[in-house]
Amino acid sequence: MIINIEEIGDEGLHIHTTRNPEWLTNIPEINDYSSNLSVLGSIEMDFIVNKILNEISVTGDIKCVINCMCSRCIEPVRISLNPEINLLLSPGDADKDNESNIDFETYNEEEDSIDLSDYLRERIAISIPVKVICDSDCKGLCSKCGTNLNYGSCNCESEWVDPRFAKLKNLKV
């Protein structure tokens, strides 16, 4: 997503665009074929770019839907991601790295354009939940037979005792 700095007028520059899921090249979980995470449909971006003196602000949001697996029952779950974009670009050394605030970046004043692709991909990557639960009442899978306990019960023993500690069960204190 390259923005030409000269196109940013006094009223700002409104950008509404979409990208294919393949655009997310830096997110290993999505690009790994063995992963259970995929983007459904296109990625929609809508933001406004303003320039005040030498600082450039980018505000807006990204919308996409991902398909992943529930961490308890391994059923497919659709999640809508809607990360906000709130970026301030200041002139400076383009190689300078500011770790204190992820929404503050620098750009090279001598360049005619700014590439926001990495920042936008990063916002999507950060918004992907680490652990997904299909429902707060999800019962998960039986640890012995693997039956999905949301659809019914299994015939496994309900109380499993680790054989290493079986003798302690009969201990009277």
N, C-alpha and C. Protein backbone atom coordinates (compact mmCIF):
# COMPACT_ATOMS: atom_id res chain seq x y z
N MET A 1 0.86 -1.16 0.00
CA MET A 1 0.00 0.00 0.00
C MET A 1 0.91 1.23 0.00
N ILE A 2 1.17 1.74 -1.16
CA ILE A 2 2.06 2.89 -1.30
C ILE A 2 1.21 4.15 -1.49
N ILE A 3 1.53 5.17 -0.70
CA ILE A 3 0.83 6.45 -0.78
C ILE A 3 1.80 7.50 -1.28
N ASN A 4 1.40 8.19 -2.32
CA ASN A 4 2.20 9.28 -2.85
C ASN A 4 1.95 10.52 -1.98
N ILE A 5 3.00 11.06 -1.40
CA ILE A 5 2.88 12.18 -0.46
C ILE A 5 2.28 13.42 -1.13
N GLU A 6 2.57 13.63 -2.40
CA GLU A 6 2.06 14.81 -3.11
C GLU A 6 0.55 14.75 -3.31
N GLU A 7 -0.05 13.57 -3.25
CA GLU A 7 -1.50 13.42 -3.43
C GLU A 7 -2.29 13.81 -2.19
N ILE A 8 -1.60 13.98 -1.07
CA ILE A 8 -2.29 14.34 0.18
C ILE A 8 -2.58 15.84 0.13
N GLY A 9 -3.83 16.19 -0.06
CA GLY A 9 -4.22 17.60 -0.16
C GLY A 9 -4.51 18.20 1.21
N ASP A 10 -4.97 19.44 1.21
CA ASP A 10 -5.31 20.13 2.45
C ASP A 10 -6.46 19.44 3.20
N GLU A 11 -7.38 18.85 2.45
CA GLU A 11 -8.51 18.16 3.07
C GLU A 11 -8.20 16.71 3.39
N GLY A 12 -7.01 16.26 3.06
CA GLY A 12 -6.60 14.90 3.35
C GLY A 12 -6.84 14.00 2.15
N LEU A 13 -6.52 12.76 2.31
CA LEU A 13 -6.68 11.77 1.25
C LEU A 13 -7.45 10.58 1.81
N HIS A 14 -8.63 10.32 1.24
CA HIS A 14 -9.45 9.19 1.69
C HIS A 14 -9.12 7.98 0.81
N ILE A 15 -8.78 6.86 1.46
CA ILE A 15 -8.44 5.65 0.72
C ILE A 15 -9.35 4.53 1.19
N HIS A 16 -10.05 3.95 0.23
CA HIS A 16 -10.89 2.78 0.49
C HIS A 16 -10.47 1.73 -0.54
N THR A 17 -9.92 0.63 -0.05
CA THR A 17 -9.40 -0.38 -0.96
C THR A 17 -9.57 -1.77 -0.37
N THR A 18 -9.43 -2.77 -1.20
CA THR A 18 -9.48 -4.15 -0.75
C THR A 18 -8.23 -4.88 -1.23
N ARG A 19 -7.88 -5.92 -0.52
CA ARG A 19 -6.73 -6.76 -0.87
C ARG A 19 -7.15 -8.22 -0.75
N ASN A 20 -6.52 -9.06 -1.55
CA ASN A 20 -6.75 -10.50 -1.48
C ASN A 20 -6.05 -11.07 -0.25
N PRO A 21 -6.49 -12.23 0.25
CA PRO A 21 -5.82 -12.84 1.41
C PRO A 21 -4.33 -13.09 1.18
N GLU A 22 -3.92 -13.29 -0.05
CA GLU A 22 -2.51 -13.53 -0.36
C GLU A 22 -1.64 -12.33 -0.01
N TRP A 23 -2.23 -11.17 0.17
CA TRP A 23 -1.50 -9.95 0.52
C TRP A 23 -0.83 -10.07 1.89
N LEU A 24 -1.35 -10.94 2.74
CA LEU A 24 -0.83 -11.10 4.10
C LEU A 24 0.38 -12.04 4.09
N THR A 25 1.43 -11.63 3.43
CA THR A 25 2.61 -12.48 3.27
C THR A 25 3.45 -12.61 4.53
N ASN A 26 3.31 -11.72 5.49
CA ASN A 26 4.19 -11.75 6.66
C ASN A 26 3.58 -12.46 7.87
N ILE A 27 2.42 -13.06 7.71
CA ILE A 27 1.78 -13.73 8.84
C ILE A 27 1.92 -15.24 8.63
N PRO A 28 2.88 -15.86 9.31
CA PRO A 28 3.16 -17.28 9.08
C PRO A 28 1.96 -18.19 9.35
N GLU A 29 1.13 -17.85 10.33
CA GLU A 29 -0.02 -18.69 10.66
C GLU A 29 -1.01 -18.79 9.50
N ILE A 30 -1.09 -17.75 8.71
CA ILE A 30 -2.01 -17.74 7.57
C ILE A 30 -1.38 -18.41 6.36
N ASN A 31 -0.10 -18.23 6.15
CA ASN A 31 0.57 -18.75 4.97
C ASN A 31 1.03 -20.19 5.11
N ASP A 32 0.99 -20.75 6.31
CA ASP A 32 1.39 -22.13 6.54
C ASP A 32 0.21 -23.03 6.18
N TYR A 33 0.42 -23.93 5.22
CA TYR A 33 -0.67 -24.79 4.76
C TYR A 33 -1.12 -25.79 5.82
N SER A 34 -0.27 -26.08 6.79
CA SER A 34 -0.66 -27.00 7.85
C SER A 34 -1.45 -26.29 8.95
N SER A 35 -1.53 -24.96 8.88
CA SER A 35 -2.23 -24.19 9.89
C SER A 35 -3.74 -24.30 9.69
N ASN A 36 -4.48 -24.12 10.75
CA ASN A 36 -5.94 -24.15 10.69
C ASN A 36 -6.52 -22.75 10.62
N LEU A 37 -5.75 -21.79 10.18
CA LEU A 37 -6.18 -20.40 10.12
C LEU A 37 -6.18 -19.94 8.67
N SER A 38 -7.29 -19.34 8.25
CA SER A 38 -7.38 -18.83 6.88
C SER A 38 -8.23 -17.57 6.85
N VAL A 39 -7.97 -16.73 5.87
CA VAL A 39 -8.75 -15.51 5.69
C VAL A 39 -9.85 -15.81 4.69
N LEU A 40 -11.08 -15.45 5.06
CA LEU A 40 -12.23 -15.67 4.19
C LEU A 40 -12.55 -14.38 3.46
N GLY A 41 -12.51 -14.40 2.17
CA GLY A 41 -12.84 -13.21 1.38
C GLY A 41 -11.70 -12.21 1.36
N SER A 42 -12.04 -11.01 0.97
CA SER A 42 -11.02 -9.98 0.83
C SER A 42 -10.87 -9.17 2.12
N ILE A 43 -9.77 -8.44 2.18
CA ILE A 43 -9.46 -7.58 3.32
C ILE A 43 -9.83 -6.16 2.90
N GLU A 44 -10.70 -5.54 3.66
CA GLU A 44 -11.19 -4.20 3.33
C GLU A 44 -10.52 -3.17 4.22
N MET A 45 -9.96 -2.13 3.59
CA MET A 45 -9.28 -1.07 4.34
C MET A 45 -9.92 0.27 3.99
N ASP A 46 -10.15 1.05 5.01
CA ASP A 46 -10.74 2.38 4.83
C ASP A 46 -10.04 3.33 5.79
N PHE A 47 -9.29 4.28 5.26
CA PHE A 47 -8.60 5.21 6.12
C PHE A 47 -8.39 6.57 5.46
N ILE A 48 -8.07 7.54 6.31
CA ILE A 48 -7.84 8.91 5.87
C ILE A 48 -6.41 9.28 6.21
N VAL A 49 -5.72 9.87 5.24
CA VAL A 49 -4.33 10.31 5.42
C VAL A 49 -4.34 11.83 5.41
N ASN A 50 -3.81 12.43 6.48
CA ASN A 50 -3.70 13.88 6.59
C ASN A 50 -2.24 14.28 6.76
N LYS A 51 -1.90 15.45 6.23
CA LYS A 51 -0.54 15.96 6.39
C LYS A 51 -0.64 17.35 7.00
N ILE A 52 0.00 17.50 8.16
CA ILE A 52 0.07 18.79 8.84
C ILE A 52 1.54 19.10 9.03
N LEU A 53 1.99 20.14 8.37
CA LEU A 53 3.41 20.48 8.29
C LEU A 53 4.16 19.27 7.72
N ASN A 54 5.04 18.67 8.49
CA ASN A 54 5.79 17.51 8.00
C ASN A 54 5.29 16.19 8.56
N GLU A 55 4.30 16.23 9.43
CA GLU A 55 3.78 15.01 10.02
C GLU A 55 2.59 14.50 9.22
N ILE A 56 2.52 13.20 9.09
CA ILE A 56 1.44 12.56 8.35
C ILE A 56 0.70 11.63 9.31
N SER A 57 -0.61 11.79 9.39
CA SER A 57 -1.41 10.91 10.24
C SER A 57 -2.29 10.02 9.37
N VAL A 58 -2.43 8.78 9.80
CA VAL A 58 -3.25 7.81 9.10
C VAL A 58 -4.23 7.24 10.12
N THR A 59 -5.53 7.42 9.89
CA THR A 59 -6.55 6.90 10.80
C THR A 59 -7.61 6.16 10.00
N GLY A 60 -8.13 5.11 10.57
CA GLY A 60 -9.17 4.33 9.90
C GLY A 60 -9.27 2.95 10.49
N ASP A 61 -9.71 2.00 9.66
CA ASP A 61 -9.82 0.62 10.14
C ASP A 61 -9.67 -0.37 9.00
N ILE A 62 -9.48 -1.61 9.42
CA ILE A 62 -9.35 -2.74 8.51
C ILE A 62 -10.43 -3.74 8.90
N LYS A 63 -11.04 -4.38 7.90
CA LYS A 63 -12.06 -5.39 8.19
C LYS A 63 -11.74 -6.65 7.40
N CYS A 64 -11.74 -7.77 8.11
CA CYS A 64 -11.60 -9.06 7.45
C CYS A 64 -12.19 -10.14 8.35
N VAL A 65 -12.44 -11.29 7.75
CA VAL A 65 -13.00 -12.42 8.49
C VAL A 65 -12.02 -13.58 8.36
N ILE A 66 -11.73 -14.21 9.50
CA ILE A 66 -10.84 -15.36 9.49
C ILE A 66 -11.60 -16.60 9.94
N ASN A 67 -11.14 -17.73 9.49
CA ASN A 67 -11.67 -19.02 9.90
C ASN A 67 -10.57 -19.72 10.67
N CYS A 68 -10.88 -20.18 11.88
CA CYS A 68 -9.89 -20.89 12.70
C CYS A 68 -10.61 -21.96 13.49
N MET A 69 -9.87 -22.69 14.30
CA MET A 69 -10.43 -23.79 15.08
C MET A 69 -10.57 -23.40 16.54
N CYS A 70 -11.64 -23.87 17.16
CA CYS A 70 -11.85 -23.66 18.59
C CYS A 70 -10.74 -24.40 19.35
N SER A 71 -10.20 -23.76 20.35
CA SER A 71 -9.11 -24.35 21.13
C SER A 71 -9.58 -25.49 22.02
N ARG A 72 -10.87 -25.60 22.27
CA ARG A 72 -11.39 -26.66 23.14
C ARG A 72 -11.95 -27.85 22.36
N CYS A 73 -12.76 -27.57 21.33
CA CYS A 73 -13.46 -28.67 20.64
C CYS A 73 -13.03 -28.87 19.19
N ILE A 74 -12.14 -28.04 18.69
CA ILE A 74 -11.58 -28.12 17.34
C ILE A 74 -12.65 -27.97 16.26
N GLU A 75 -13.73 -27.30 16.55
CA GLU A 75 -14.75 -26.99 15.55
C GLU A 75 -14.36 -25.68 14.86
N PRO A 76 -14.73 -25.51 13.58
CA PRO A 76 -14.39 -24.26 12.89
C PRO A 76 -15.16 -23.07 13.46
N VAL A 77 -14.47 -21.94 13.54
CA VAL A 77 -15.05 -20.71 14.09
C VAL A 77 -14.71 -19.56 13.14
N ARG A 78 -15.69 -18.74 12.84
CA ARG A 78 -15.46 -17.52 12.05
C ARG A 78 -15.35 -16.34 12.99
N ILE A 79 -14.31 -15.54 12.79
CA ILE A 79 -14.10 -14.36 13.63
C ILE A 79 -13.92 -13.15 12.72
N SER A 80 -14.63 -12.08 13.03
CA SER A 80 -14.45 -10.82 12.32
C SER A 80 -13.38 -10.00 13.02
N LEU A 81 -12.37 -9.62 12.26
CA LEU A 81 -11.31 -8.76 12.79
C LEU A 81 -11.56 -7.35 12.32
N ASN A 82 -11.37 -6.38 13.20
CA ASN A 82 -11.58 -4.99 12.84
C ASN A 82 -10.54 -4.11 13.56
N PRO A 83 -9.25 -4.31 13.24
CA PRO A 83 -8.24 -3.49 13.91
C PRO A 83 -8.29 -2.04 13.45
N GLU A 84 -8.07 -1.14 14.39
CA GLU A 84 -8.05 0.28 14.07
C GLU A 84 -6.65 0.70 13.63
N ILE A 85 -6.64 1.67 12.75
CA ILE A 85 -5.38 2.25 12.29
C ILE A 85 -5.28 3.63 12.91
N ASN A 86 -4.19 3.86 13.61
CA ASN A 86 -3.95 5.15 14.22
C ASN A 86 -2.44 5.37 14.22
N LEU A 87 -1.94 5.88 13.11
CA LEU A 87 -0.51 5.97 12.89
C LEU A 87 -0.09 7.41 12.69
N LEU A 88 1.01 7.79 13.30
CA LEU A 88 1.59 9.10 13.11
C LEU A 88 2.99 8.91 12.54
N LEU A 89 3.21 9.49 11.37
CA LEU A 89 4.51 9.42 10.70
C LEU A 89 5.21 10.76 10.82
N SER A 90 6.42 10.74 11.35
CA SER A 90 7.21 11.96 11.48
C SER A 90 8.46 11.84 10.62
N PRO A 91 8.93 12.97 10.11
CA PRO A 91 10.16 12.90 9.31
C PRO A 91 11.35 12.49 10.17
N GLY A 92 12.23 11.74 9.59
CA GLY A 92 13.41 11.29 10.32
C GLY A 92 14.11 10.21 9.56
N ASP A 93 15.07 9.61 10.18
CA ASP A 93 15.83 8.54 9.57
C ASP A 93 14.91 7.33 9.38
N ALA A 94 14.77 6.87 8.15
CA ALA A 94 13.87 5.77 7.85
C ALA A 94 14.32 4.47 8.51
N ASP A 95 15.61 4.35 8.85
CA ASP A 95 16.11 3.14 9.48
C ASP A 95 15.94 3.16 10.99
N LYS A 96 15.56 4.27 11.54
CA LYS A 96 15.41 4.41 12.99
C LYS A 96 14.21 3.58 13.45
N ASP A 97 14.39 2.87 14.53
CA ASP A 97 13.35 1.99 15.04
C ASP A 97 12.91 2.47 16.41
N ASN A 98 11.63 2.82 16.56
CA ASN A 98 11.11 3.31 17.83
C ASN A 98 10.22 2.23 18.42
N GLU A 99 10.72 1.50 19.40
CA GLU A 99 9.99 0.40 20.01
C GLU A 99 8.98 0.85 21.06
N SER A 100 9.03 2.09 21.51
CA SER A 100 8.19 2.51 22.62
C SER A 100 6.72 2.68 22.24
N ASN A 101 6.43 2.90 20.97
CA ASN A 101 5.04 3.11 20.57
C ASN A 101 4.85 2.56 19.17
N ILE A 102 4.04 1.51 19.04
CA ILE A 102 3.89 0.88 17.73
C ILE A 102 3.14 1.76 16.74
N ASP A 103 2.46 2.78 17.21
CA ASP A 103 1.72 3.66 16.32
C ASP A 103 2.50 4.91 15.94
N PHE A 104 3.78 4.89 16.16
CA PHE A 104 4.63 6.01 15.77
C PHE A 104 5.73 5.46 14.88
N GLU A 105 5.83 6.00 13.69
CA GLU A 105 6.85 5.58 12.73
C GLU A 105 7.53 6.83 12.17
N THR A 106 8.62 6.61 11.50
CA THR A 106 9.30 7.72 10.81
C THR A 106 9.28 7.45 9.32
N TYR A 107 9.44 8.49 8.55
CA TYR A 107 9.54 8.34 7.10
C TYR A 107 10.65 9.25 6.59
N ASN A 108 11.14 8.94 5.43
CA ASN A 108 12.21 9.69 4.81
C ASN A 108 11.60 10.83 3.99
N GLU A 109 11.90 12.07 4.35
CA GLU A 109 11.33 13.23 3.66
C GLU A 109 11.76 13.31 2.20
N GLU A 110 12.89 12.72 1.88
CA GLU A 110 13.41 12.80 0.52
C GLU A 110 12.67 11.86 -0.43
N GLU A 111 11.90 10.94 0.11
CA GLU A 111 11.13 10.00 -0.71
C GLU A 111 9.81 10.67 -1.12
N ASP A 112 9.27 10.26 -2.27
CA ASP A 112 8.01 10.80 -2.77
C ASP A 112 6.80 10.04 -2.25
N SER A 113 7.05 8.86 -1.69
CA SER A 113 5.93 8.01 -1.27
C SER A 113 6.26 7.31 0.04
N ILE A 114 5.19 6.77 0.63
CA ILE A 114 5.30 6.02 1.89
C ILE A 114 4.63 4.67 1.67
N ASP A 115 5.31 3.62 2.07
CA ASP A 115 4.74 2.28 1.97
C ASP A 115 4.18 1.87 3.34
N LEU A 116 2.86 1.71 3.42
CA LEU A 116 2.19 1.35 4.67
C LEU A 116 1.90 -0.15 4.79
N SER A 117 2.32 -0.92 3.81
CA SER A 117 1.97 -2.35 3.76
C SER A 117 2.36 -3.10 5.02
N ASP A 118 3.61 -2.97 5.45
CA ASP A 118 4.06 -3.70 6.63
C ASP A 118 3.29 -3.31 7.88
N TYR A 119 3.02 -2.01 8.03
CA TYR A 119 2.26 -1.56 9.20
C TYR A 119 0.84 -2.14 9.18
N LEU A 120 0.19 -2.12 8.04
CA LEU A 120 -1.18 -2.62 7.94
C LEU A 120 -1.23 -4.13 8.18
N ARG A 121 -0.27 -4.86 7.64
CA ARG A 121 -0.20 -6.31 7.88
C ARG A 121 0.04 -6.59 9.37
N GLU A 122 0.89 -5.78 9.98
CA GLU A 122 1.18 -5.95 11.41
C GLU A 122 -0.07 -5.74 12.25
N ARG A 123 -0.88 -4.76 11.89
CA ARG A 123 -2.12 -4.50 12.64
C ARG A 123 -3.05 -5.71 12.57
N ILE A 124 -3.13 -6.34 11.40
CA ILE A 124 -3.97 -7.54 11.25
C ILE A 124 -3.39 -8.67 12.08
N ALA A 125 -2.08 -8.87 12.00
CA ALA A 125 -1.44 -9.96 12.75
C ALA A 125 -1.65 -9.81 14.25
N ILE A 126 -1.56 -8.60 14.75
CA ILE A 126 -1.73 -8.35 16.19
C ILE A 126 -3.18 -8.61 16.62
N SER A 127 -4.12 -8.40 15.72
CA SER A 127 -5.54 -8.55 16.09
C SER A 127 -6.02 -10.00 16.07
N ILE A 128 -5.22 -10.92 15.57
CA ILE A 128 -5.61 -12.33 15.55
C ILE A 128 -5.51 -12.88 16.98
N PRO A 129 -6.60 -13.43 17.51
CA PRO A 129 -6.56 -13.94 18.89
C PRO A 129 -5.64 -15.15 19.01
N VAL A 130 -4.98 -15.26 20.15
CA VAL A 130 -4.09 -16.38 20.41
C VAL A 130 -4.89 -17.65 20.66
N LYS A 131 -5.97 -17.51 21.42
CA LYS A 131 -6.81 -18.65 21.77
C LYS A 131 -8.25 -18.32 21.40
N VAL A 132 -8.87 -19.18 20.61
CA VAL A 132 -10.24 -18.95 20.15
C VAL A 132 -11.15 -19.99 20.79
N ILE A 133 -12.25 -19.54 21.35
CA ILE A 133 -13.26 -20.42 21.93
C ILE A 133 -14.56 -20.19 21.16
N CYS A 134 -15.18 -21.26 20.67
CA CYS A 134 -16.39 -21.13 19.86
C CYS A 134 -17.56 -20.57 20.66
N ASP A 135 -17.64 -20.94 21.94
CA ASP A 135 -18.72 -20.48 22.81
C ASP A 135 -18.21 -20.53 24.25
N SER A 136 -18.68 -19.61 25.07
CA SER A 136 -18.21 -19.60 26.46
C SER A 136 -18.60 -20.87 27.20
N ASP A 137 -19.63 -21.58 26.72
CA ASP A 137 -20.07 -22.82 27.34
C ASP A 137 -19.47 -24.06 26.68
N CYS A 138 -18.48 -23.90 25.82
CA CYS A 138 -17.87 -25.03 25.10
C CYS A 138 -17.29 -26.02 26.11
N LYS A 139 -17.67 -27.28 25.96
CA LYS A 139 -17.22 -28.33 26.88
C LYS A 139 -15.94 -29.00 26.41
N GLY A 140 -15.58 -28.80 25.15
CA GLY A 140 -14.34 -29.37 24.64
C GLY A 140 -14.45 -30.83 24.26
N LEU A 141 -13.31 -31.50 24.22
CA LEU A 141 -13.22 -32.91 23.86
C LEU A 141 -12.91 -33.75 25.08
N CYS A 142 -13.37 -34.98 25.05
CA CYS A 142 -13.02 -35.93 26.11
C CYS A 142 -11.52 -36.21 26.00
N SER A 143 -10.82 -36.16 27.11
CA SER A 143 -9.38 -36.36 27.08
C SER A 143 -8.99 -37.81 26.82
N LYS A 144 -9.93 -38.74 26.94
CA LYS A 144 -9.62 -40.15 26.69
C LYS A 144 -9.99 -40.59 25.27
N CYS A 145 -11.23 -40.35 24.88
CA CYS A 145 -11.69 -40.88 23.59
C CYS A 145 -11.80 -39.82 22.50
N GLY A 146 -11.77 -38.54 22.86
CA GLY A 146 -11.82 -37.48 21.86
C GLY A 146 -13.21 -37.09 21.41
N THR A 147 -14.25 -37.57 22.08
CA THR A 147 -15.62 -37.21 21.73
C THR A 147 -15.87 -35.74 22.02
N ASN A 148 -16.55 -35.07 21.09
CA ASN A 148 -16.92 -33.67 21.31
C ASN A 148 -18.05 -33.65 22.33
N LEU A 149 -17.77 -33.14 23.51
CA LEU A 149 -18.74 -33.16 24.61
C LEU A 149 -19.86 -32.14 24.44
N ASN A 150 -19.78 -31.28 23.44
CA ASN A 150 -20.87 -30.35 23.14
C ASN A 150 -22.05 -31.07 22.50
N TYR A 151 -21.80 -32.21 21.84
CA TYR A 151 -22.85 -32.94 21.14
C TYR A 151 -23.41 -34.11 21.94
N GLY A 152 -22.75 -34.45 23.01
CA GLY A 152 -23.21 -35.56 23.83
C GLY A 152 -22.10 -36.03 24.75
N SER A 153 -22.44 -37.01 25.58
CA SER A 153 -21.45 -37.52 26.51
C SER A 153 -20.83 -38.79 25.94
N CYS A 154 -19.79 -39.23 26.59
CA CYS A 154 -19.13 -40.47 26.18
C CYS A 154 -19.22 -41.47 27.31
N ASN A 155 -18.73 -42.68 27.09
CA ASN A 155 -18.81 -43.75 28.10
C ASN A 155 -17.53 -43.90 28.89
N CYS A 156 -16.68 -42.91 28.83
CA CYS A 156 -15.41 -42.99 29.55
C CYS A 156 -15.65 -42.77 31.04
N GLU A 157 -14.73 -43.31 31.84
CA GLU A 157 -14.78 -43.08 33.27
C GLU A 157 -14.67 -41.59 33.54
N SER A 158 -15.56 -41.08 34.36
CA SER A 158 -15.55 -39.64 34.60
C SER A 158 -14.40 -39.19 35.49
N GLU A 159 -13.98 -40.07 36.39
CA GLU A 159 -12.91 -39.67 37.30
C GLU A 159 -11.67 -40.48 36.96
N TRP A 160 -10.71 -39.85 36.38
CA TRP A 160 -9.46 -40.50 36.04
C TRP A 160 -8.45 -40.19 37.12
N VAL A 161 -7.75 -41.20 37.57
CA VAL A 161 -6.74 -41.05 38.60
C VAL A 161 -5.40 -41.45 37.99
N ASP A 162 -4.44 -40.60 38.13
CA ASP A 162 -3.10 -40.90 37.67
C ASP A 162 -2.59 -42.11 38.45
N PRO A 163 -2.16 -43.18 37.78
CA PRO A 163 -1.73 -44.38 38.50
C PRO A 163 -0.57 -44.13 39.46
N ARG A 164 0.20 -43.11 39.22
CA ARG A 164 1.31 -42.80 40.12
C ARG A 164 0.81 -42.31 41.48
N PHE A 165 -0.43 -41.77 41.49
CA PHE A 165 -0.97 -41.24 42.74
C PHE A 165 -2.16 -42.05 43.27
N ALA A 166 -2.42 -43.20 42.68
CA ALA A 166 -3.56 -44.02 43.06
C ALA A 166 -3.52 -44.42 44.53
N LYS A 167 -2.36 -44.73 45.05
CA LYS A 167 -2.23 -45.13 46.46
C LYS A 167 -2.62 -43.99 47.40
N LEU A 168 -2.41 -42.77 46.99
CA LEU A 168 -2.74 -41.63 47.85
C LEU A 168 -4.25 -41.46 48.04
N LYS A 169 -5.03 -42.00 47.11
CA LYS A 169 -6.49 -41.87 47.19
C LYS A 169 -7.02 -42.58 48.44
N ASN A 170 -6.40 -43.66 48.84
CA ASN A 170 -6.85 -44.44 50.01
C ASN A 170 -6.21 -43.95 51.31
N LEU A 171 -5.36 -42.97 51.23
CA LEU A 171 -4.67 -42.46 52.42
C LEU A 171 -5.63 -41.68 53.31
N LYS A 172 -5.65 -42.00 54.59
CA LYS A 172 -6.52 -41.29 55.53
C LYS A 172 -5.67 -40.36 56.37
N VAL A 173 -6.06 -39.12 56.40
CA VAL A 173 -5.29 -38.13 57.15
C VAL A 173 -6.08 -37.66 58.33
